[in-house]
């Protein structure tokens, strides 16, 4: 897909492009739900993995909604809530962008596996929440007791890693990422990883209070972590979803273009992102439906994150 093609489509009828993107993505949601439903009696746990910025949370919640529509009660949990709290020394390293947050050992694996085992056996568990602003785990009285026939959907970057999640014979496994590329007029190709970076820049700023430069500074470790700890396990997925929206970089233009262009002298490897953003028309975020995956990154979603 080229910026020239996208510009023509978005200039002529942006609402039609957005609706076409939405239908393509939701078709994949339905297909994933059908696979889950077909195996639900033997595989009550759904594991959904993907690299950072792939849209795992929205994908999980929409699959839950589709399963609920089919009369299959589903509980969606985030593996982020099972991260180990950071020590003061680790917090200091985090602020200096010197802490590797991508390793599977960031997950409190014994605690996570015990809770999954208890949930599968119908025991009541008190669910944790990870506070990213304080890098700590908190308990707020939220509990879960899985009833017979109910499903549990667990999403996280390490969800397909068997050393982390185990219980392979009781799980349906899904993988989500961006697979489509965008080409600029001069042939420069914007890799899917850069599209996910644009998503993370927005999400981290609006939801986690991180400056753009902080997220940019983490990208090398994030990319290395994806190659080492996430992508090797996508082969275990029963179904894969491409979360790319053809309109998204045009939507992000308003939020990112000026700031990223100003940062180019310090981060020249962002030239491909800036070039694509420059060549695309700006699409009004108000046109984006409130259940759109893009709302995970720009805000204003109707979904309960």
Protein backbone atom coordinates (compact mmCIF):
# COMPACT_ATOMS: atom_id res chain seq x y z
CA UNK A 1 0.00 0.00 0.00
CA UNK A 2 1.39 3.41 -0.97
CA UNK A 3 0.88 6.89 0.44
CA UNK A 4 -0.40 7.99 -2.98
CA UNK A 5 -3.09 5.29 -2.96
CA UNK A 6 -4.06 6.11 0.60
CA UNK A 7 -4.16 9.85 -0.10
CA UNK A 8 -6.53 9.34 -3.04
CA UNK A 9 -8.86 7.14 -0.99
CA UNK A 10 -8.80 9.30 2.14
CA UNK A 11 -9.30 12.52 0.19
CA UNK A 12 -12.28 11.10 -1.70
CA UNK A 13 -14.13 9.45 1.20
CA UNK A 14 -12.36 9.03 4.55
CA UNK A 15 -15.47 7.57 6.20
CA UNK A 16 -15.57 4.79 3.60
CA UNK A 17 -11.90 3.94 4.23
CA UNK A 18 -12.49 3.83 7.98
CA UNK A 19 -15.53 1.59 7.55
CA UNK A 20 -13.66 -0.75 5.21
CA UNK A 21 -10.81 -1.00 7.74
CA UNK A 22 -13.31 -1.71 10.49
CA UNK A 23 -15.05 -4.48 8.56
CA UNK A 24 -11.77 -6.18 7.65
CA UNK A 25 -10.62 -6.19 11.25
CA UNK A 26 -13.97 -7.27 12.70
CA UNK A 27 -14.18 -10.13 10.20
CA UNK A 28 -10.98 -11.48 11.73
CA UNK A 29 -12.46 -11.06 15.22
CA UNK A 30 -15.44 -13.20 14.22
CA UNK A 31 -13.18 -15.84 12.68
CA UNK A 32 -11.10 -16.03 15.87
CA UNK A 33 -14.24 -16.31 18.00
CA UNK A 34 -15.48 -19.16 15.83
CA UNK A 35 -12.23 -21.09 16.41
CA UNK A 36 -12.48 -20.48 20.15
CA UNK A 37 -16.13 -21.52 20.25
CA UNK A 38 -15.45 -24.74 18.35
CA UNK A 39 -12.88 -25.79 20.98
CA UNK A 40 -14.39 -24.23 24.09
CA UNK A 41 -15.39 -27.42 25.87
CA UNK A 42 -11.83 -28.81 25.87
CA UNK A 43 -9.94 -25.50 25.79
CA UNK A 44 -11.56 -23.03 28.22
CA UNK A 45 -8.52 -20.73 28.29
CA UNK A 46 -7.72 -18.41 25.36
CA UNK A 47 -4.17 -17.09 25.11
CA UNK A 48 -3.70 -14.01 22.94
CA UNK A 49 -0.17 -12.76 22.28
CA UNK A 50 1.49 -10.21 20.07
CA UNK A 51 4.24 -7.60 20.14
CA UNK A 52 3.89 -4.26 21.86
CA UNK A 53 1.48 -1.96 20.03
CA UNK A 54 -0.25 -4.78 18.17
CA UNK A 55 -3.67 -4.03 19.64
CA UNK A 56 -3.89 -7.06 21.93
CA UNK A 57 -6.15 -5.42 24.50
CA UNK A 58 -8.80 -4.23 22.05
CA UNK A 59 -8.64 -7.52 20.15
CA UNK A 60 -9.15 -9.46 23.37
CA UNK A 61 -12.10 -7.34 24.49
CA UNK A 62 -13.80 -7.57 21.09
CA UNK A 63 -13.33 -11.34 20.96
CA UNK A 64 -14.85 -11.46 24.45
CA UNK A 65 -17.79 -9.38 23.23
CA UNK A 66 -18.30 -11.69 20.24
CA UNK A 67 -18.18 -14.78 22.47
CA UNK A 68 -20.62 -13.20 24.92
CA UNK A 69 -22.95 -12.51 22.00
CA UNK A 70 -22.87 -16.24 21.29
CA UNK A 71 -23.89 -17.01 24.86
CA UNK A 72 -20.38 -17.92 26.04
CA UNK A 73 -19.46 -15.94 29.21
CA UNK A 74 -15.82 -14.83 28.99
CA UNK A 75 -13.46 -13.14 31.43
CA UNK A 76 -10.58 -11.14 29.92
CA UNK A 77 -7.42 -10.71 31.97
CA UNK A 78 -4.16 -8.93 31.17
CA UNK A 79 -0.81 -10.55 31.79
CA UNK A 80 0.55 -7.04 32.43
CA UNK A 81 -1.15 -7.27 35.81
CA UNK A 82 1.13 -10.17 36.68
CA UNK A 83 4.36 -8.23 36.18
CA UNK A 84 6.73 -8.28 39.12
CA UNK A 85 6.79 -4.97 41.03
CA UNK A 86 9.95 -2.98 40.43
CA UNK A 87 12.49 -2.30 43.15
CA UNK A 88 13.69 1.26 43.73
CA UNK A 89 16.91 0.38 41.93
CA UNK A 90 14.94 -0.96 38.94
CA UNK A 91 12.74 2.13 38.90
CA UNK A 92 15.87 4.28 38.69
CA UNK A 93 17.13 2.19 35.77
CA UNK A 94 13.71 2.47 34.12
CA UNK A 95 13.85 6.26 34.23
CA UNK A 96 17.27 6.05 32.57
CA UNK A 97 15.94 3.66 29.87
CA UNK A 98 18.37 1.01 31.08
CA UNK A 99 15.87 -1.63 32.23
CA UNK A 100 14.83 -4.51 29.96
CA UNK A 101 11.06 -4.77 30.34
CA UNK A 102 10.62 -7.38 27.62
CA UNK A 103 12.02 -10.52 29.27
CA UNK A 104 9.55 -13.26 30.22
CA UNK A 105 10.98 -13.10 33.73
CA UNK A 106 9.24 -9.73 34.12
CA UNK A 107 6.16 -11.88 34.73
CA UNK A 108 5.73 -13.33 38.21
CA UNK A 109 5.48 -16.79 36.67
CA UNK A 110 4.80 -18.88 39.83
CA UNK A 111 2.06 -16.47 40.96
CA UNK A 112 0.59 -16.29 37.46
CA UNK A 113 0.50 -20.06 36.96
CA UNK A 114 -1.05 -20.62 40.40
CA UNK A 115 -3.84 -18.16 39.65
CA UNK A 116 -4.52 -19.76 36.26
CA UNK A 117 -4.61 -23.21 37.90
CA UNK A 118 -6.99 -21.96 40.60
CA UNK A 119 -9.21 -20.27 38.02
CA UNK A 120 -9.40 -23.45 35.93
CA UNK A 121 -10.34 -25.49 38.99
CA UNK A 122 -13.13 -23.08 39.93
CA UNK A 123 -11.47 -21.56 42.98
CA UNK A 124 -12.03 -17.90 43.79
CA UNK A 125 -8.95 -15.70 43.26
CA UNK A 126 -8.29 -12.06 44.02
CA UNK A 127 -7.05 -10.47 40.82
CA UNK A 128 -4.07 -8.10 40.80
CA UNK A 129 -3.69 -4.83 38.92
CA UNK A 130 -0.32 -3.49 37.86
CA UNK A 131 0.02 0.26 38.34
CA UNK A 132 2.37 1.43 35.58
CA UNK A 133 2.73 4.88 37.10
CA UNK A 134 4.18 3.48 40.34
CA UNK A 135 5.53 0.20 38.87
CA UNK A 136 3.76 -1.77 41.58
CA UNK A 137 1.14 -4.51 41.93
CA UNK A 138 -2.03 -3.59 43.80
CA UNK A 139 -5.07 -5.54 44.96
CA UNK A 140 -8.42 -3.73 45.01
CA UNK A 141 -10.80 -6.50 46.04
CA UNK A 142 -11.64 -7.64 42.51
CA UNK A 143 -12.22 -11.39 42.50
CA UNK A 144 -12.97 -14.09 39.95
CA UNK A 145 -14.51 -17.53 40.35
CA UNK A 146 -14.88 -19.27 37.00
CA UNK A 147 -18.12 -21.19 36.64
CA UNK A 148 -18.41 -24.37 34.53
CA UNK A 149 -18.62 -23.47 30.85
CA UNK A 150 -17.13 -20.01 31.28
CA UNK A 151 -14.04 -18.97 29.32
CA UNK A 152 -10.96 -17.02 30.38
CA UNK A 153 -9.08 -14.92 27.84
CA UNK A 154 -5.54 -13.99 28.85
CA UNK A 155 -3.73 -11.40 26.72
CA UNK A 156 -0.08 -10.40 26.95
CA UNK A 157 3.19 -10.33 25.04
CA UNK A 158 4.29 -13.64 26.57
CA UNK A 159 0.95 -15.44 26.38
CA UNK A 160 2.20 -18.04 23.87
CA UNK A 161 5.43 -18.78 25.73
CA UNK A 162 4.83 -22.23 27.30
CA UNK A 163 7.33 -21.62 30.10
CA UNK A 164 5.17 -18.70 31.22
CA UNK A 165 1.61 -19.85 30.61
CA UNK A 166 1.73 -23.69 30.52
CA UNK A 167 -1.65 -25.53 30.38
CA UNK A 168 -1.15 -25.88 26.60
CA UNK A 169 -3.68 -28.68 26.18
CA UNK A 170 -6.43 -26.50 27.69
CA UNK A 171 -5.78 -23.39 25.60
CA UNK A 172 -6.77 -21.93 22.25
CA UNK A 173 -3.92 -19.71 21.11
CA UNK A 174 -4.19 -16.50 19.08
CA UNK A 175 -1.58 -14.10 17.71
CA UNK A 176 -2.15 -10.48 16.68
CA UNK A 177 0.22 -8.03 15.01
CA UNK A 178 0.55 -5.51 12.19
CA UNK A 179 1.63 -7.20 8.98
CA UNK A 180 0.95 -4.56 6.29
CA UNK A 181 3.55 -2.05 5.08
CA UNK A 182 3.17 1.49 3.71
CA UNK A 183 5.42 2.81 0.92
CA UNK A 184 6.29 6.49 0.52
CA UNK A 185 6.61 8.20 -2.88
CA UNK A 186 10.36 7.63 -3.05
CA UNK A 187 10.01 3.93 -2.29
CA UNK A 188 10.80 4.18 1.41
CA UNK A 189 8.90 1.40 3.18
CA UNK A 190 7.39 1.93 6.61
CA UNK A 191 7.80 -1.42 8.38
CA UNK A 192 4.94 -2.71 10.55
CA UNK A 193 7.17 -2.30 13.61
CA UNK A 194 7.21 1.46 12.99
CA UNK A 195 3.43 1.54 12.76
CA UNK A 196 3.32 -0.18 16.13
CA UNK A 197 5.86 2.34 17.42
CA UNK A 198 3.50 5.15 16.41
CA UNK A 199 0.77 3.42 18.39
CA UNK A 200 3.01 3.04 21.43
CA UNK A 201 4.06 6.69 21.29
CA UNK A 202 0.43 7.72 21.55
CA UNK A 203 -0.58 5.10 24.13
CA UNK A 204 2.41 5.67 26.41
CA UNK A 205 1.92 9.42 26.36
CA UNK A 206 -1.84 9.43 26.99
CA UNK A 207 -2.10 6.37 29.23
CA UNK A 208 1.24 6.05 31.00
CA UNK A 209 2.55 9.60 31.12
CA UNK A 210 5.71 8.88 29.13
CA UNK A 211 7.35 11.50 26.97
CA UNK A 212 7.81 10.62 23.29
CA UNK A 213 11.58 10.56 23.72
CA UNK A 214 11.26 8.04 26.56
CA UNK A 215 9.27 5.63 24.40
CA UNK A 216 11.60 6.18 21.45
CA UNK A 217 14.57 5.45 23.70
CA UNK A 218 13.05 2.08 24.64
CA UNK A 219 12.44 0.91 21.06
CA UNK A 220 15.73 -0.94 20.55
CA UNK A 221 15.12 -3.14 23.59
CA UNK A 222 11.46 -3.56 22.65
CA UNK A 223 12.40 -4.68 19.12
CA UNK A 224 15.05 -7.04 20.45
CA UNK A 225 12.58 -8.48 22.95
CA UNK A 226 10.04 -9.11 20.20
CA UNK A 227 12.58 -11.03 18.16
CA UNK A 228 13.82 -13.06 21.12
CA UNK A 229 10.77 -13.59 23.29
CA UNK A 230 7.57 -13.12 21.28
CA UNK A 231 7.84 -13.94 17.59
CA UNK A 232 9.45 -17.39 18.07
CA UNK A 233 6.19 -18.55 19.65
CA UNK A 234 3.70 -17.24 17.07
CA UNK A 235 3.97 -20.60 15.30
CA UNK A 236 1.94 -22.09 18.16
CA UNK A 237 -1.10 -19.92 17.39
CA UNK A 238 -4.29 -21.52 16.08
CA UNK A 239 -5.23 -18.20 14.43
CA UNK A 240 -3.44 -14.95 13.47
CA UNK A 241 -4.96 -11.48 13.14
CA UNK A 242 -3.56 -8.52 11.17
CA UNK A 243 -4.54 -5.42 13.17
CA UNK A 244 -3.42 -2.92 10.52
CA UNK A 245 -5.82 -0.06 9.69
CA UNK A 246 -5.04 1.65 6.39
CA UNK A 247 -6.26 5.00 7.77
CA UNK A 248 -4.29 4.93 11.01
CA UNK A 249 -1.13 6.86 10.12
CA UNK A 250 -3.37 9.54 8.64
CA UNK A 251 -5.26 9.69 11.95
CA UNK A 252 -2.00 9.81 13.93
CA UNK A 253 -0.66 12.68 11.78
CA UNK A 254 -2.36 15.32 13.93
CA UNK A 255 -0.86 13.87 17.12
CA UNK A 256 2.67 13.01 15.99
CA UNK A 257 3.91 14.74 12.86
CA UNK A 258 5.13 18.06 14.24
CA UNK A 259 6.79 16.54 17.30
CA UNK A 260 8.52 13.71 15.41
CA UNK A 261 9.69 16.08 12.69
CA UNK A 262 11.28 18.27 15.36
CA UNK A 263 13.02 15.21 16.84
CA UNK A 264 14.56 14.06 13.53
CA UNK A 265 17.99 15.63 14.15
CA UNK A 266 18.36 13.45 17.26
CA UNK A 267 16.56 10.39 15.87
CA UNK A 268 17.28 10.16 12.12
CA UNK A 269 15.98 6.59 11.95
CA UNK A 270 12.46 8.02 12.37
CA UNK A 271 12.68 9.62 8.92
CA UNK A 272 10.51 6.88 7.39
CA UNK A 273 7.71 7.60 9.87
CA UNK A 274 7.94 11.34 9.36
CA UNK A 275 7.99 10.93 5.58
CA UNK A 276 4.82 8.82 5.54
CA UNK A 277 3.06 11.15 7.97
CA UNK A 278 4.06 14.12 5.83
CA UNK A 279 2.70 12.59 2.63
CA UNK A 280 -0.67 11.56 4.07
CA UNK A 281 -3.65 13.87 4.57
CA UNK A 282 -4.85 14.43 8.11
CA UNK A 283 -7.94 12.38 9.01
CA UNK A 284 -10.20 13.75 11.73
CA UNK A 285 -10.17 11.49 14.80
CA UNK A 286 -13.88 12.27 15.29
CA UNK A 287 -14.62 9.94 12.38
CA UNK A 288 -13.19 6.95 14.26
CA UNK A 289 -15.89 4.77 15.90
CA UNK A 290 -15.68 4.41 19.66
CA UNK A 291 -15.19 0.63 19.41
CA UNK A 292 -12.33 0.99 16.92
CA UNK A 293 -8.96 -0.55 17.69
CA UNK A 294 -7.42 2.88 17.04
CA UNK A 295 -9.19 4.18 20.15
CA UNK A 296 -6.81 2.05 22.23
CA UNK A 297 -4.09 4.49 21.19
CA UNK A 298 -5.80 7.85 20.59
CA UNK A 299 -8.31 7.56 23.44
CA UNK A 300 -12.09 7.85 23.52
CA UNK A 301 -12.89 4.15 23.43
CA UNK A 302 -16.20 2.74 24.62
CA UNK A 303 -14.34 -0.39 25.73
CA UNK A 304 -13.34 -0.78 29.38
CA UNK A 305 -9.54 -1.01 29.39
